[in-house]
């Protein structure tokens, strides 16, 4: 499937980089550096489909990075509320 579309291939690589760059870090300090790098790379692409995603991630940057230092989450509550 990835060989059929260069855009699809780029989106897939970008998603995989998110896991590799960001989700693998043990604390908020290292995660925030990786997150900034991932956001920079995404903003360099021409895929407008990521605009809403990067905008949301940028708005919630501190809160997202803090999740690496605290084991508590309101995810189940948000899931129920939604």
C-alpha atoms as a PDB file:
ATOM      1  CA  UNK A   1       0.000   0.000   0.000  1.00  0.00           C
ATOM      2  CA  UNK A   2       2.793   2.423   0.851  1.00  0.00           C
ATOM      3  CA  UNK A   3       4.250   2.035  -2.628  1.00  0.00           C
ATOM      4  CA  UNK A   4       1.013   3.311  -4.168  1.00  0.00           C
ATOM      5  CA  UNK A   5       1.192   6.817  -2.742  1.00  0.00           C
ATOM      6  CA  UNK A   6       4.100   9.043  -1.745  1.00  0.00           C
ATOM      7  CA  UNK A   7       1.791  11.027   0.559  1.00  0.00           C
ATOM      8  CA  UNK A   8       0.665   7.852   2.299  1.00  0.00           C
ATOM      9  CA  UNK A   9       4.276   6.782   2.695  1.00  0.00           C
ATOM     10  CA  UNK A  10       5.165  10.182   4.200  1.00  0.00           C
ATOM     11  CA  UNK A  11       2.213  10.056   6.612  1.00  0.00           C
ATOM     12  CA  UNK A  12       3.184   6.561   7.721  1.00  0.00           C
ATOM     13  CA  UNK A  13       6.826   7.567   8.281  1.00  0.00           C
ATOM     14  CA  UNK A  14       5.711  10.636  10.211  1.00  0.00           C
ATOM     15  CA  UNK A  15       3.510   8.516  12.474  1.00  0.00           C
ATOM     16  CA  UNK A  16       6.340   6.044  13.044  1.00  0.00           C
ATOM     17  CA  UNK A  17       8.721   8.908  13.867  1.00  0.00           C
ATOM     18  CA  UNK A  18       6.247  10.081  16.493  1.00  0.00           C
ATOM     19  CA  UNK A  19       6.606   6.733  18.253  1.00  0.00           C
ATOM     20  CA  UNK A  20      10.362   6.619  17.768  1.00  0.00           C
ATOM     21  CA  UNK A  21      11.120  10.261  18.632  1.00  0.00           C
ATOM     22  CA  UNK A  22       8.624  10.937  21.346  1.00  0.00           C
ATOM     23  CA  UNK A  23       6.945   8.010  23.031  1.00  0.00           C
ATOM     24  CA  UNK A  24      10.143   6.172  23.930  1.00  0.00           C
ATOM     25  CA  UNK A  25      11.537   8.708  26.404  1.00  0.00           C
ATOM     26  CA  UNK A  26      11.648   8.167  30.178  1.00  0.00           C
ATOM     27  CA  UNK A  27      10.946  11.733  31.374  1.00  0.00           C
ATOM     28  CA  UNK A  28       9.450  15.053  30.335  1.00  0.00           C
ATOM     29  CA  UNK A  29      12.784  16.772  29.722  1.00  0.00           C
ATOM     30  CA  UNK A  30      13.927  14.286  27.120  1.00  0.00           C
ATOM     31  CA  UNK A  31      10.421  13.876  25.724  1.00  0.00           C
ATOM     32  CA  UNK A  32       9.990  17.636  25.204  1.00  0.00           C
ATOM     33  CA  UNK A  33      13.220  17.841  23.182  1.00  0.00           C
ATOM     34  CA  UNK A  34      12.133  14.914  21.029  1.00  0.00           C
ATOM     35  CA  UNK A  35       8.607  16.296  20.713  1.00  0.00           C
ATOM     36  CA  UNK A  36       9.956  19.639  19.478  1.00  0.00           C
ATOM     37  CA  UNK A  37      12.093  17.836  16.919  1.00  0.00           C
ATOM     38  CA  UNK A  38       9.123  15.809  15.703  1.00  0.00           C
ATOM     39  CA  UNK A  39       6.946  18.934  15.454  1.00  0.00           C
ATOM     40  CA  UNK A  40       9.698  20.694  13.492  1.00  0.00           C
ATOM     41  CA  UNK A  41       9.932  17.802  11.036  1.00  0.00           C
ATOM     42  CA  UNK A  42       6.163  17.624  10.581  1.00  0.00           C
ATOM     43  CA  UNK A  43       5.940  21.363   9.989  1.00  0.00           C
ATOM     44  CA  UNK A  44       8.549  20.998   7.226  1.00  0.00           C
ATOM     45  CA  UNK A  45       6.329  18.571   5.319  1.00  0.00           C
ATOM     46  CA  UNK A  46       3.696  19.725   2.881  1.00  0.00           C
ATOM     47  CA  UNK A  47       0.981  17.548   4.385  1.00  0.00           C
ATOM     48  CA  UNK A  48      -1.766  19.936   5.439  1.00  0.00           C
ATOM     49  CA  UNK A  49      -3.577  17.021   7.108  1.00  0.00           C
ATOM     50  CA  UNK A  50      -1.155  17.331  10.039  1.00  0.00           C
ATOM     51  CA  UNK A  51      -1.935  21.025  10.664  1.00  0.00           C
ATOM     52  CA  UNK A  52      -4.742  20.407  13.167  1.00  0.00           C
ATOM     53  CA  UNK A  53      -2.690  17.722  14.901  1.00  0.00           C
ATOM     54  CA  UNK A  54       0.429  19.864  15.304  1.00  0.00           C
ATOM     55  CA  UNK A  55      -1.644  22.846  16.373  1.00  0.00           C
ATOM     56  CA  UNK A  56      -3.312  20.795  19.114  1.00  0.00           C
ATOM     57  CA  UNK A  57      -0.004  19.258  20.179  1.00  0.00           C
ATOM     58  CA  UNK A  58       1.585  22.714  20.346  1.00  0.00           C
ATOM     59  CA  UNK A  59      -1.301  24.106  22.427  1.00  0.00           C
ATOM     60  CA  UNK A  60      -1.051  21.208  24.892  1.00  0.00           C
ATOM     61  CA  UNK A  61       2.729  20.769  24.701  1.00  0.00           C
ATOM     62  CA  UNK A  62       3.484  21.202  28.412  1.00  0.00           C
ATOM     63  CA  UNK A  63       0.624  18.998  29.540  1.00  0.00           C
ATOM     64  CA  UNK A  64       1.569  16.253  27.095  1.00  0.00           C
ATOM     65  CA  UNK A  65       5.212  16.323  28.206  1.00  0.00           C
ATOM     66  CA  UNK A  66       4.191  16.291  31.879  1.00  0.00           C
ATOM     67  CA  UNK A  67       2.513  12.952  31.277  1.00  0.00           C
ATOM     68  CA  UNK A  68       5.993  11.418  31.185  1.00  0.00           C
ATOM     69  CA  UNK A  69       6.636  12.421  34.805  1.00  0.00           C
ATOM     70  CA  UNK A  70       3.265  11.555  36.350  1.00  0.00           C
ATOM     71  CA  UNK A  71       1.525   8.200  36.292  1.00  0.00           C
ATOM     72  CA  UNK A  72      -1.951   9.686  36.740  1.00  0.00           C
ATOM     73  CA  UNK A  73      -4.238  10.375  33.807  1.00  0.00           C
ATOM     74  CA  UNK A  74      -7.740  11.626  33.265  1.00  0.00           C
ATOM     75  CA  UNK A  75      -7.967   9.555  30.055  1.00  0.00           C
ATOM     76  CA  UNK A  76     -10.701   7.195  31.292  1.00  0.00           C
ATOM     77  CA  UNK A  77     -12.796  10.154  32.451  1.00  0.00           C
ATOM     78  CA  UNK A  78     -12.310  11.966  29.137  1.00  0.00           C
ATOM     79  CA  UNK A  79     -13.272   8.783  27.288  1.00  0.00           C
ATOM     80  CA  UNK A  80     -16.454   8.469  29.336  1.00  0.00           C
ATOM     81  CA  UNK A  81     -17.262  12.158  28.957  1.00  0.00           C
ATOM     82  CA  UNK A  82     -16.765  12.105  25.196  1.00  0.00           C
END
